[in-house]
């Protein structure tokens, strides 16, 4: 996060959403942008780790789309259950892949 800039955080659990994850993220983003009279420059989502794993494809697609087409900076975080800290979702996914590769190589 950048010091001196206004940030908004939205905690999203996706409970009761079904498979409309991308649409839910879009709706929340529109709501935050429409209510923004404060000049917020960064919107942050916090997603629980289980949902981050379950909806990885939709979350990545959402980030890719908004990096190309939107002006506001969007970041998505989850909780690293080992360190009990917020981490960016892309780092979380990288750690999962890294750990899976290590476990797979130990089995060989």
PDB file of N, CA and C in Angstrom:
ATOM      1  N   UNK A   1       0.835  -1.176   0.000  1.00  0.00           N
ATOM      2  CA  UNK A   1       0.000   0.000   0.000  1.00  0.00           C
ATOM      3  C   UNK A   1       0.882   1.242   0.000  1.00  0.00           C
ATOM      4  N   UNK A   2       0.356   2.285  -0.590  1.00  0.00           N
ATOM      5  CA  UNK A   2       1.105   3.503  -0.761  1.00  0.00           C
ATOM      6  C   UNK A   2       0.739   4.507   0.322  1.00  0.00           C
ATOM      7  N   UNK A   3       1.746   5.069   0.984  1.00  0.00           N
ATOM      8  CA  UNK A   3       1.491   6.056   2.030  1.00  0.00           C
ATOM      9  C   UNK A   3       1.009   7.354   1.407  1.00  0.00           C
ATOM     10  N   UNK A   4       0.128   8.043   2.113  1.00  0.00           N
ATOM     11  CA  UNK A   4      -0.344   9.336   1.669  1.00  0.00           C
ATOM     12  C   UNK A   4      -1.486   9.274   0.662  1.00  0.00           C
ATOM     13  N   UNK A   5      -1.900   8.099   0.268  1.00  0.00           N
ATOM     14  CA  UNK A   5      -3.010   7.957  -0.671  1.00  0.00           C
ATOM     15  C   UNK A   5      -4.172   7.280   0.050  1.00  0.00           C
ATOM     16  N   UNK A   6      -5.366   7.617  -0.385  1.00  0.00           N
ATOM     17  CA  UNK A   6      -6.558   7.055   0.228  1.00  0.00           C
ATOM     18  C   UNK A   6      -6.842   5.672  -0.349  1.00  0.00           C
ATOM     19  N   UNK A   7      -7.064   4.699   0.513  1.00  0.00           N
ATOM     20  CA  UNK A   7      -7.345   3.325   0.128  1.00  0.00           C
ATOM     21  C   UNK A   7      -8.703   2.912   0.668  1.00  0.00           C
ATOM     22  N   UNK A   8      -9.405   2.085  -0.085  1.00  0.00           N
ATOM     23  CA  UNK A   8     -10.653   1.495   0.394  1.00  0.00           C
ATOM     24  C   UNK A   8     -10.450  -0.010   0.474  1.00  0.00           C
ATOM     25  N   UNK A   9     -10.992  -0.615   1.530  1.00  0.00           N
ATOM     26  CA  UNK A   9     -10.929  -2.066   1.696  1.00  0.00           C
ATOM     27  C   UNK A   9     -12.335  -2.632   1.702  1.00  0.00           C
ATOM     28  N   UNK A  10     -12.499  -3.724   1.013  1.00  0.00           N
ATOM     29  CA  UNK A  10     -13.781  -4.425   0.939  1.00  0.00           C
ATOM     30  C   UNK A  10     -13.506  -5.891   1.268  1.00  0.00           C
ATOM     31  N   UNK A  11     -14.130  -6.402   2.295  1.00  0.00           N
ATOM     32  CA  UNK A  11     -13.978  -7.821   2.639  1.00  0.00           C
ATOM     33  C   UNK A  11     -15.066  -8.580   1.901  1.00  0.00           C
ATOM     34  N   UNK A  12     -14.665  -9.558   1.117  1.00  0.00           N
ATOM     35  CA  UNK A  12     -15.609 -10.310   0.292  1.00  0.00           C
ATOM     36  C   UNK A  12     -15.469 -11.801   0.593  1.00  0.00           C
ATOM     37  N   UNK A  13     -16.555 -12.405   1.053  1.00  0.00           N
ATOM     38  CA  UNK A  13     -16.530 -13.835   1.381  1.00  0.00           C
ATOM     39  C   UNK A  13     -17.163 -14.698   0.299  1.00  0.00           C
ATOM     40  N   UNK A  14     -17.941 -14.085  -0.597  1.00  0.00           N
ATOM     41  CA  UNK A  14     -18.670 -14.777  -1.663  1.00  0.00           C
ATOM     42  C   UNK A  14     -19.762 -15.710  -1.140  1.00  0.00           C
ATOM     43  N   UNK A  15     -20.151 -15.579   0.106  1.00  0.00           N
ATOM     44  CA  UNK A  15     -21.222 -16.423   0.629  1.00  0.00           C
ATOM     45  C   UNK A  15     -22.532 -16.102  -0.071  1.00  0.00           C
ATOM     46  N   UNK A  16     -23.244 -17.121  -0.500  1.00  0.00           N
ATOM     47  CA  UNK A  16     -24.526 -16.963  -1.152  1.00  0.00           C
ATOM     48  C   UNK A  16     -24.465 -16.454  -2.577  1.00  0.00           C
ATOM     49  N   UNK A  17     -23.281 -16.452  -3.169  1.00  0.00           N
ATOM     50  CA  UNK A  17     -23.106 -15.914  -4.516  1.00  0.00           C
ATOM     51  C   UNK A  17     -23.209 -16.996  -5.584  1.00  0.00           C
ATOM     52  N   UNK A  18     -22.949 -18.228  -5.223  1.00  0.00           N
ATOM     53  CA  UNK A  18     -22.913 -19.288  -6.234  1.00  0.00           C
ATOM     54  C   UNK A  18     -21.651 -19.157  -7.066  1.00  0.00           C
ATOM     55  N   UNK A  19     -21.799 -19.235  -8.376  1.00  0.00           N
ATOM     56  CA  UNK A  19     -20.623 -19.166  -9.256  1.00  0.00           C
ATOM     57  C   UNK A  19     -20.475 -17.821  -9.950  1.00  0.00           C
ATOM     58  N   UNK A  20     -21.195 -16.806  -9.502  1.00  0.00           N
ATOM     59  CA  UNK A  20     -21.142 -15.480 -10.121  1.00  0.00           C
ATOM     60  C   UNK A  20     -20.074 -14.611  -9.453  1.00  0.00           C
ATOM     61  N   UNK A  21     -18.902 -15.160  -9.279  1.00  0.00           N
ATOM     62  CA  UNK A  21     -17.827 -14.495  -8.544  1.00  0.00           C
ATOM     63  C   UNK A  21     -17.366 -13.223  -9.238  1.00  0.00           C
ATOM     64  N   UNK A  22     -17.082 -13.320 -10.529  1.00  0.00           N
ATOM     65  CA  UNK A  22     -16.606 -12.172 -11.301  1.00  0.00           C
ATOM     66  C   UNK A  22     -17.629 -11.034 -11.227  1.00  0.00           C
ATOM     67  N   UNK A  23     -18.891 -11.373 -11.416  1.00  0.00           N
ATOM     68  CA  UNK A  23     -19.961 -10.374 -11.374  1.00  0.00           C
ATOM     69  C   UNK A  23     -20.047  -9.717  -9.993  1.00  0.00           C
ATOM     70  N   UNK A  24     -19.871 -10.505  -8.931  1.00  0.00           N
ATOM     71  CA  UNK A  24     -19.916  -9.966  -7.566  1.00  0.00           C
ATOM     72  C   UNK A  24     -18.784  -8.962  -7.336  1.00  0.00           C
ATOM     73  N   UNK A  25     -17.588  -9.293  -7.813  1.00  0.00           N
ATOM     74  CA  UNK A  25     -16.457  -8.373  -7.689  1.00  0.00           C
ATOM     75  C   UNK A  25     -16.722  -7.081  -8.469  1.00  0.00           C
ATOM     76  N   UNK A  26     -17.292  -7.218  -9.656  1.00  0.00           N
ATOM     77  CA  UNK A  26     -17.640  -6.056 -10.485  1.00  0.00           C
ATOM     78  C   UNK A  26     -18.670  -5.167  -9.785  1.00  0.00           C
ATOM     79  N   UNK A  27     -19.710  -5.782  -9.227  1.00  0.00           N
ATOM     80  CA  UNK A  27     -20.762  -5.024  -8.548  1.00  0.00           C
ATOM     81  C   UNK A  27     -20.200  -4.233  -7.373  1.00  0.00           C
ATOM     82  N   UNK A  28     -19.342  -4.878  -6.587  1.00  0.00           N
ATOM     83  CA  UNK A  28     -18.737  -4.193  -5.437  1.00  0.00           C
ATOM     84  C   UNK A  28     -17.859  -3.045  -5.909  1.00  0.00           C
ATOM     85  N   UNK A  29     -17.106  -3.267  -6.989  1.00  0.00           N
ATOM     86  CA  UNK A  29     -16.232  -2.236  -7.521  1.00  0.00           C
ATOM     87  C   UNK A  29     -17.047  -1.033  -8.002  1.00  0.00           C
ATOM     88  N   UNK A  30     -18.113  -1.286  -8.734  1.00  0.00           N
ATOM     89  CA  UNK A  30     -18.976  -0.198  -9.215  1.00  0.00           C
ATOM     90  C   UNK A  30     -19.571   0.579  -8.040  1.00  0.00           C
ATOM     91  N   UNK A  31     -20.019  -0.136  -7.029  1.00  0.00           N
ATOM     92  CA  UNK A  31     -20.591   0.504  -5.842  1.00  0.00           C
ATOM     93  C   UNK A  31     -19.561   1.413  -5.171  1.00  0.00           C
ATOM     94  N   UNK A  32     -18.342   0.925  -5.037  1.00  0.00           N
ATOM     95  CA  UNK A  32     -17.287   1.722  -4.408  1.00  0.00           C
ATOM     96  C   UNK A  32     -16.918   2.927  -5.270  1.00  0.00           C
ATOM     97  N   UNK A  33     -16.836   2.734  -6.570  1.00  0.00           N
ATOM     98  CA  UNK A  33     -16.491   3.837  -7.463  1.00  0.00           C
ATOM     99  C   UNK A  33     -17.586   4.892  -7.490  1.00  0.00           C
ATOM    100  N   UNK A  34     -18.846   4.480  -7.511  1.00  0.00           N
ATOM    101  CA  UNK A  34     -19.963   5.426  -7.532  1.00  0.00           C
ATOM    102  C   UNK A  34     -20.079   6.218  -6.229  1.00  0.00           C
ATOM    103  N   UNK A  35     -19.715   5.611  -5.127  1.00  0.00           N
ATOM    104  CA  UNK A  35     -19.804   6.278  -3.826  1.00  0.00           C
ATOM    105  C   UNK A  35     -18.551   7.085  -3.511  1.00  0.00           C
ATOM    106  N   UNK A  36     -17.589   7.052  -4.406  1.00  0.00           N
ATOM    107  CA  UNK A  36     -16.281   7.661  -4.137  1.00  0.00           C
ATOM    108  C   UNK A  36     -16.259   9.144  -4.484  1.00  0.00           C
ATOM    109  N   UNK A  37     -16.390   9.965  -3.472  1.00  0.00           N
ATOM    110  CA  UNK A  37     -16.236  11.403  -3.673  1.00  0.00           C
ATOM    111  C   UNK A  37     -14.957  11.878  -3.000  1.00  0.00           C
ATOM    112  N   UNK A  38     -14.195  10.929  -2.469  1.00  0.00           N
ATOM    113  CA  UNK A  38     -13.026  11.289  -1.674  1.00  0.00           C
ATOM    114  C   UNK A  38     -11.712  11.191  -2.436  1.00  0.00           C
ATOM    115  N   UNK A  39     -11.760  10.819  -3.695  1.00  0.00           N
ATOM    116  CA  UNK A  39     -10.525  10.722  -4.470  1.00  0.00           C
ATOM    117  C   UNK A  39      -9.705   9.488  -4.171  1.00  0.00           C
ATOM    118  N   UNK A  40     -10.352   8.428  -3.791  1.00  0.00           N
ATOM    119  CA  UNK A  40      -9.656   7.173  -3.516  1.00  0.00           C
ATOM    120  C   UNK A  40      -8.893   6.716  -4.759  1.00  0.00           C
ATOM    121  N   UNK A  41      -7.651   6.328  -4.574  1.00  0.00           N
ATOM    122  CA  UNK A  41      -6.824   5.911  -5.695  1.00  0.00           C
ATOM    123  C   UNK A  41      -6.579   4.408  -5.737  1.00  0.00           C
ATOM    124  N   UNK A  42      -6.952   3.723  -4.681  1.00  0.00           N
ATOM    125  CA  UNK A  42      -6.705   2.285  -4.638  1.00  0.00           C
ATOM    126  C   UNK A  42      -7.852   1.581  -3.927  1.00  0.00           C
ATOM    127  N   UNK A  43      -8.357   0.521  -4.552  1.00  0.00           N
ATOM    128  CA  UNK A  43      -9.420  -0.288  -3.964  1.00  0.00           C
ATOM    129  C   UNK A  43      -8.847  -1.665  -3.680  1.00  0.00           C
ATOM    130  N   UNK A  44      -9.030  -2.120  -2.460  1.00  0.00           N
ATOM    131  CA  UNK A  44      -8.466  -3.393  -2.019  1.00  0.00           C
ATOM    132  C   UNK A  44      -9.568  -4.340  -1.584  1.00  0.00           C
ATOM    133  N   UNK A  45      -9.501  -5.550  -2.079  1.00  0.00           N
ATOM    134  CA  UNK A  45     -10.409  -6.604  -1.639  1.00  0.00           C
ATOM    135  C   UNK A  45      -9.626  -7.532  -0.716  1.00  0.00           C
ATOM    136  N   UNK A  46     -10.284  -8.035   0.317  1.00  0.00           N
ATOM    137  CA  UNK A  46      -9.697  -9.069   1.175  1.00  0.00           C
ATOM    138  C   UNK A  46     -10.619 -10.272   1.079  1.00  0.00           C
ATOM    139  N   UNK A  47     -10.050 -11.401   0.657  1.00  0.00           N
ATOM    140  CA  UNK A  47     -10.815 -12.628   0.420  1.00  0.00           C
ATOM    141  C   UNK A  47     -10.234 -13.731   1.304  1.00  0.00           C
ATOM    142  N   UNK A  48     -11.071 -14.464   2.023  1.00  0.00           N
ATOM    143  CA  UNK A  48     -10.569 -15.566   2.846  1.00  0.00           C
ATOM    144  C   UNK A  48      -9.803 -16.595   1.998  1.00  0.00           C
ATOM    145  N   UNK A  49      -8.818 -17.273   2.585  1.00  0.00           N
ATOM    146  CA  UNK A  49      -7.972 -18.205   1.837  1.00  0.00           C
ATOM    147  C   UNK A  49      -8.729 -19.325   1.112  1.00  0.00           C
ATOM    148  N   UNK A  50      -9.740 -19.883   1.739  1.00  0.00           N
ATOM    149  CA  UNK A  50     -10.487 -20.978   1.098  1.00  0.00           C
ATOM    150  C   UNK A  50     -11.140 -20.488  -0.187  1.00  0.00           C
ATOM    151  N   UNK A  51     -11.787 -19.334  -0.119  1.00  0.00           N
ATOM    152  CA  UNK A  51     -12.428 -18.776  -1.311  1.00  0.00           C
ATOM    153  C   UNK A  51     -11.389 -18.372  -2.347  1.00  0.00           C
ATOM    154  N   UNK A  52     -10.231 -17.912  -1.894  1.00  0.00           N
ATOM    155  CA  UNK A  52      -9.163 -17.545  -2.829  1.00  0.00           C
ATOM    156  C   UNK A  52      -8.716 -18.751  -3.650  1.00  0.00           C
ATOM    157  N   UNK A  53      -8.674 -19.908  -3.029  1.00  0.00           N
ATOM    158  CA  UNK A  53      -8.295 -21.133  -3.745  1.00  0.00           C
ATOM    159  C   UNK A  53      -9.437 -21.592  -4.649  1.00  0.00           C
ATOM    160  N   UNK A  54     -10.644 -21.628  -4.110  1.00  0.00           N
ATOM    161  CA  UNK A  54     -11.798 -22.117  -4.878  1.00  0.00           C
ATOM    162  C   UNK A  54     -12.069 -21.288  -6.130  1.00  0.00           C
ATOM    163  N   UNK A  55     -11.867 -19.980  -6.045  1.00  0.00           N
ATOM    164  CA  UNK A  55     -12.246 -19.089  -7.134  1.00  0.00           C
ATOM    165  C   UNK A  55     -11.038 -18.440  -7.807  1.00  0.00           C
ATOM    166  N   UNK A  56      -9.925 -19.151  -7.818  1.00  0.00           N
ATOM    167  CA  UNK A  56      -8.686 -18.614  -8.381  1.00  0.00           C
ATOM    168  C   UNK A  56      -8.864 -18.116  -9.815  1.00  0.00           C
ATOM    169  N   UNK A  57      -9.479 -18.898 -10.658  1.00  0.00           N
ATOM    170  CA  UNK A  57      -9.633 -18.533 -12.068  1.00  0.00           C
ATOM    171  C   UNK A  57     -10.400 -17.220 -12.221  1.00  0.00           C
ATOM    172  N   UNK A  58     -11.516 -17.077 -11.528  1.00  0.00           N
ATOM    173  CA  UNK A  58     -12.322 -15.871 -11.623  1.00  0.00           C
ATOM    174  C   UNK A  58     -11.600 -14.650 -11.074  1.00  0.00           C
ATOM    175  N   UNK A  59     -10.879 -14.839  -9.990  1.00  0.00           N
ATOM    176  CA  UNK A  59     -10.142 -13.732  -9.374  1.00  0.00           C
ATOM    177  C   UNK A  59      -9.030 -13.250 -10.295  1.00  0.00           C
ATOM    178  N   UNK A  60      -8.284 -14.173 -10.868  1.00  0.00           N
ATOM    179  CA  UNK A  60      -7.204 -13.816 -11.803  1.00  0.00           C
ATOM    180  C   UNK A  60      -7.777 -13.109 -13.022  1.00  0.00           C
ATOM    181  N   UNK A  61      -8.882 -13.612 -13.569  1.00  0.00           N
ATOM    182  CA  UNK A  61      -9.512 -12.957 -14.725  1.00  0.00           C
ATOM    183  C   UNK A  61      -9.953 -11.533 -14.390  1.00  0.00           C
ATOM    184  N   UNK A  62     -10.512 -11.340 -13.215  1.00  0.00           N
ATOM    185  CA  UNK A  62     -10.937 -10.022 -12.771  1.00  0.00           C
ATOM    186  C   UNK A  62      -9.744  -9.063 -12.701  1.00  0.00           C
ATOM    187  N   UNK A  63      -8.654  -9.518 -12.101  1.00  0.00           N
ATOM    188  CA  UNK A  63      -7.451  -8.677 -11.999  1.00  0.00           C
ATOM    189  C   UNK A  63      -6.889  -8.331 -13.370  1.00  0.00           C
ATOM    190  N   UNK A  64      -6.797  -9.322 -14.249  1.00  0.00           N
ATOM    191  CA  UNK A  64      -6.265  -9.080 -15.596  1.00  0.00           C
ATOM    192  C   UNK A  64      -7.105  -8.050 -16.343  1.00  0.00           C
ATOM    193  N   UNK A  65      -8.415  -8.200 -16.272  1.00  0.00           N
ATOM    194  CA  UNK A  65      -9.313  -7.279 -16.962  1.00  0.00           C
ATOM    195  C   UNK A  65      -9.124  -5.850 -16.461  1.00  0.00           C
ATOM    196  N   UNK A  66      -9.055  -5.686 -15.161  1.00  0.00           N
ATOM    197  CA  UNK A  66      -8.976  -4.339 -14.605  1.00  0.00           C
ATOM    198  C   UNK A  66      -7.602  -3.716 -14.723  1.00  0.00           C
ATOM    199  N   UNK A  67      -6.596  -4.497 -14.857  1.00  0.00           N
ATOM    200  CA  UNK A  67      -5.262  -3.932 -15.103  1.00  0.00           C
ATOM    201  C   UNK A  67      -5.192  -3.346 -16.505  1.00  0.00           C
ATOM    202  N   UNK A  68      -5.950  -3.913 -17.429  1.00  0.00           N
ATOM    203  CA  UNK A  68      -5.973  -3.414 -18.807  1.00  0.00           C
ATOM    204  C   UNK A  68      -6.913  -2.240 -19.003  1.00  0.00           C
ATOM    205  N   UNK A  69      -8.078  -2.247 -18.344  1.00  0.00           N
ATOM    206  CA  UNK A  69      -9.160  -1.344 -18.723  1.00  0.00           C
ATOM    207  C   UNK A  69      -9.570  -0.280 -17.705  1.00  0.00           C
ATOM    208  N   UNK A  70      -9.083  -0.339 -16.520  1.00  0.00           N
ATOM    209  CA  UNK A  70      -9.569   0.600 -15.502  1.00  0.00           C
ATOM    210  C   UNK A  70      -8.481   1.567 -15.049  1.00  0.00           C
ATOM    211  N   UNK A  71      -8.904   2.680 -14.484  1.00  0.00           N
ATOM    212  CA  UNK A  71      -7.954   3.695 -14.042  1.00  0.00           C
ATOM    213  C   UNK A  71      -7.542   3.522 -12.579  1.00  0.00           C
ATOM    214  N   UNK A  72      -8.442   3.061 -11.743  1.00  0.00           N
ATOM    215  CA  UNK A  72      -8.103   2.878 -10.326  1.00  0.00           C
ATOM    216  C   UNK A  72      -7.257   1.625 -10.136  1.00  0.00           C
ATOM    217  N   UNK A  73      -6.388   1.701  -9.167  1.00  0.00           N
ATOM    218  CA  UNK A  73      -5.558   0.553  -8.838  1.00  0.00           C
ATOM    219  C   UNK A  73      -6.377  -0.401  -7.968  1.00  0.00           C
ATOM    220  N   UNK A  74      -6.395  -1.661  -8.356  1.00  0.00           N
ATOM    221  CA  UNK A  74      -7.135  -2.677  -7.610  1.00  0.00           C
ATOM    222  C   UNK A  74      -6.151  -3.739  -7.129  1.00  0.00           C
ATOM    223  N   UNK A  75      -6.237  -4.052  -5.856  1.00  0.00           N
ATOM    224  CA  UNK A  75      -5.414  -5.121  -5.296  1.00  0.00           C
ATOM    225  C   UNK A  75      -6.332  -6.076  -4.551  1.00  0.00           C
ATOM    226  N   UNK A  76      -5.966  -7.340  -4.594  1.00  0.00           N
ATOM    227  CA  UNK A  76      -6.722  -8.354  -3.858  1.00  0.00           C
ATOM    228  C   UNK A  76      -5.757  -9.054  -2.911  1.00  0.00           C
ATOM    229  N   UNK A  77      -6.175  -9.165  -1.671  1.00  0.00           N
ATOM    230  CA  UNK A  77      -5.372  -9.796  -0.628  1.00  0.00           C
ATOM    231  C   UNK A  77      -6.107 -10.995  -0.059  1.00  0.00           C
ATOM    232  N   UNK A  78      -5.346 -11.870   0.563  1.00  0.00           N
ATOM    233  CA  UNK A  78      -5.899 -12.945   1.364  1.00  0.00           C
ATOM    234  C   UNK A  78      -5.003 -13.101   2.582  1.00  0.00           C
ATOM    235  N   UNK A  79      -5.372 -13.995   3.465  1.00  0.00           N
ATOM    236  CA  UNK A  79      -4.589 -14.218   4.682  1.00  0.00           C
ATOM    237  C   UNK A  79      -3.674 -15.412   4.461  1.00  0.00           C
ATOM    238  N   UNK A  80      -2.393 -15.205   4.689  1.00  0.00           N
ATOM    239  CA  UNK A  80      -1.441 -16.309   4.697  1.00  0.00           C
ATOM    240  C   UNK A  80      -1.603 -16.976   6.059  1.00  0.00           C
ATOM    241  N   UNK A  81      -2.128 -18.190   6.072  1.00  0.00           N
ATOM    242  CA  UNK A  81      -2.470 -18.834   7.344  1.00  0.00           C
ATOM    243  C   UNK A  81      -1.238 -19.191   8.175  1.00  0.00           C
ATOM    244  N   UNK A  82      -0.081 -19.305   7.545  1.00  0.00           N
ATOM    245  CA  UNK A  82       1.128 -19.606   8.309  1.00  0.00           C
ATOM    246  C   UNK A  82       1.672 -18.375   9.027  1.00  0.00           C
ATOM    247  N   UNK A  83       1.745 -17.254   8.319  1.00  0.00           N
ATOM    248  CA  UNK A  83       2.285 -16.034   8.932  1.00  0.00           C
ATOM    249  C   UNK A  83       1.202 -15.172   9.577  1.00  0.00           C
ATOM    250  N   UNK A  84      -0.079 -15.503   9.298  1.00  0.00           N
ATOM    251  CA  UNK A  84      -1.223 -14.746   9.804  1.00  0.00           C
ATOM    252  C   UNK A  84      -1.154 -13.273   9.398  1.00  0.00           C
ATOM    253  N   UNK A  85      -0.732 -13.041   8.152  1.00  0.00           N
ATOM    254  CA  UNK A  85      -0.638 -11.692   7.595  1.00  0.00           C
ATOM    255  C   UNK A  85      -1.359 -11.629   6.269  1.00  0.00           C
ATOM    256  N   UNK A  86      -1.750 -10.411   5.894  1.00  0.00           N
ATOM    257  CA  UNK A  86      -2.327 -10.226   4.573  1.00  0.00           C
ATOM    258  C   UNK A  86      -1.218 -10.296   3.533  1.00  0.00           C
ATOM    259  N   UNK A  87      -1.504 -11.019   2.447  1.00  0.00           N
ATOM    260  CA  UNK A  87      -0.573 -11.087   1.321  1.00  0.00           C
ATOM    261  C   UNK A  87      -1.360 -10.845   0.038  1.00  0.00           C
ATOM    262  N   UNK A  88      -0.683 -10.281  -0.942  1.00  0.00           N
ATOM    263  CA  UNK A  88      -1.349 -10.098  -2.228  1.00  0.00           C
ATOM    264  C   UNK A  88      -1.687 -11.465  -2.796  1.00  0.00           C
ATOM    265  N   UNK A  89      -2.828 -11.531  -3.450  1.00  0.00           N
ATOM    266  CA  UNK A  89      -3.355 -12.812  -3.926  1.00  0.00           C
ATOM    267  C   UNK A  89      -2.398 -13.489  -4.902  1.00  0.00           C
ATOM    268  N   UNK A  90      -1.711 -12.723  -5.747  1.00  0.00           N
ATOM    269  CA  UNK A  90      -0.784 -13.333  -6.702  1.00  0.00           C
ATOM    270  C   UNK A  90       0.389 -13.993  -5.982  1.00  0.00           C
ATOM    271  N   UNK A  91       0.835 -13.386  -4.881  1.00  0.00           N
ATOM    272  CA  UNK A  91       1.900 -13.990  -4.070  1.00  0.00           C
ATOM    273  C   UNK A  91       1.386 -15.263  -3.389  1.00  0.00           C
ATOM    274  N   UNK A  92       0.163 -15.231  -2.922  1.00  0.00           N
ATOM    275  CA  UNK A  92      -0.473 -16.396  -2.310  1.00  0.00           C
ATOM    276  C   UNK A  92      -0.512 -17.569  -3.298  1.00  0.00           C
ATOM    277  N   UNK A  93      -0.938 -17.281  -4.537  1.00  0.00           N
ATOM    278  CA  UNK A  93      -0.993 -18.337  -5.559  1.00  0.00           C
ATOM    279  C   UNK A  93       0.402 -18.853  -5.897  1.00  0.00           C
ATOM    280  N   UNK A  94       1.374 -17.947  -5.948  1.00  0.00           N
ATOM    281  CA  UNK A  94       2.755 -18.352  -6.242  1.00  0.00           C
ATOM    282  C   UNK A  94       3.269 -19.306  -5.156  1.00  0.00           C
ATOM    283  N   UNK A  95       2.967 -19.002  -3.898  1.00  0.00           N
ATOM    284  CA  UNK A  95       3.409 -19.861  -2.793  1.00  0.00           C
ATOM    285  C   UNK A  95       2.758 -21.244  -2.866  1.00  0.00           C
ATOM    286  N   UNK A  96       1.486 -21.290  -3.219  1.00  0.00           N
ATOM    287  CA  UNK A  96       0.797 -22.573  -3.344  1.00  0.00           C
ATOM    288  C   UNK A  96       1.454 -23.420  -4.427  1.00  0.00           C
ATOM    289  N   UNK A  97       1.683 -22.836  -5.579  1.00  0.00           N
ATOM    290  CA  UNK A  97       2.315 -23.566  -6.693  1.00  0.00           C
ATOM    291  C   UNK A  97       3.708 -24.033  -6.304  1.00  0.00           C
ATOM    292  N   UNK A  98       4.456 -23.158  -5.642  1.00  0.00           N
ATOM    293  CA  UNK A  98       5.802 -23.505  -5.201  1.00  0.00           C
ATOM    294  C   UNK A  98       5.774 -24.696  -4.237  1.00  0.00           C
ATOM    295  N   UNK A  99       4.859 -24.683  -3.285  1.00  0.00           N
ATOM    296  CA  UNK A  99       4.746 -25.774  -2.310  1.00  0.00           C
ATOM    297  C   UNK A  99       4.307 -27.072  -2.964  1.00  0.00           C
ATOM    298  N   UNK A 100       3.419 -26.994  -3.936  1.00  0.00           N
ATOM    299  CA  UNK A 100       2.994 -28.199  -4.654  1.00  0.00           C
ATOM    300  C   UNK A 100       4.156 -28.816  -5.436  1.00  0.00           C
ATOM    301  N   UNK A 101       4.982 -27.972  -6.030  1.00  0.00           N
ATOM    302  CA  UNK A 101       6.150 -28.464  -6.773  1.00  0.00           C
ATOM    303  C   UNK A 101       7.142 -29.135  -5.844  1.00  0.00           C
ATOM    304  N   UNK A 102       7.348 -28.569  -4.660  1.00  0.00           N
ATOM    305  CA  UNK A 102       8.275 -29.151  -3.688  1.00  0.00           C
ATOM    306  C   UNK A 102       7.757 -30.510  -3.233  1.00  0.00           C
ATOM    307  N   UNK A 103       6.476 -30.612  -2.911  1.00  0.00           N
ATOM    308  CA  UNK A 103       5.906 -31.883  -2.457  1.00  0.00           C
ATOM    309  C   UNK A 103       5.953 -32.931  -3.560  1.00  0.00           C
ATOM    310  N   UNK A 104       5.722 -32.515  -4.789  1.00  0.00           N
ATOM    311  CA  UNK A 104       5.750 -33.446  -5.918  1.00  0.00           C
ATOM    312  C   UNK A 104       7.171 -33.958  -6.150  1.00  0.00           C
ATOM    313  N   UNK A 105       8.174 -33.088  -6.027  1.00  0.00           N
ATOM    314  CA  UNK A 105       9.548 -33.518  -6.239  1.00  0.00           C
ATOM    315  C   UNK A 105      10.042 -34.436  -5.114  1.00  0.00           C
ATOM    316  N   UNK A 106       9.496 -34.283  -3.899  1.00  0.00           N
ATOM    317  CA  UNK A 106       9.878 -35.162  -2.785  1.00  0.00           C
ATOM    318  C   UNK A 106       9.318 -36.576  -2.977  1.00  0.00           C
ATOM    319  N   UNK A 107       8.171 -36.678  -3.654  1.00  0.00           N
ATOM    320  CA  UNK A 107       7.565 -37.986  -3.915  1.00  0.00           C
ATOM    321  C   UNK A 107       8.327 -38.780  -4.976  1.00  0.00           C
ATOM    322  N   UNK A 108       8.989 -38.061  -5.868  1.00  0.00           N
ATOM    323  CA  UNK A 108       9.708 -38.726  -6.970  1.00  0.00           C
ATOM    324  C   UNK A 108      10.943 -39.442  -6.537  1.00  0.00           C
TER     325      UNK A 108
END
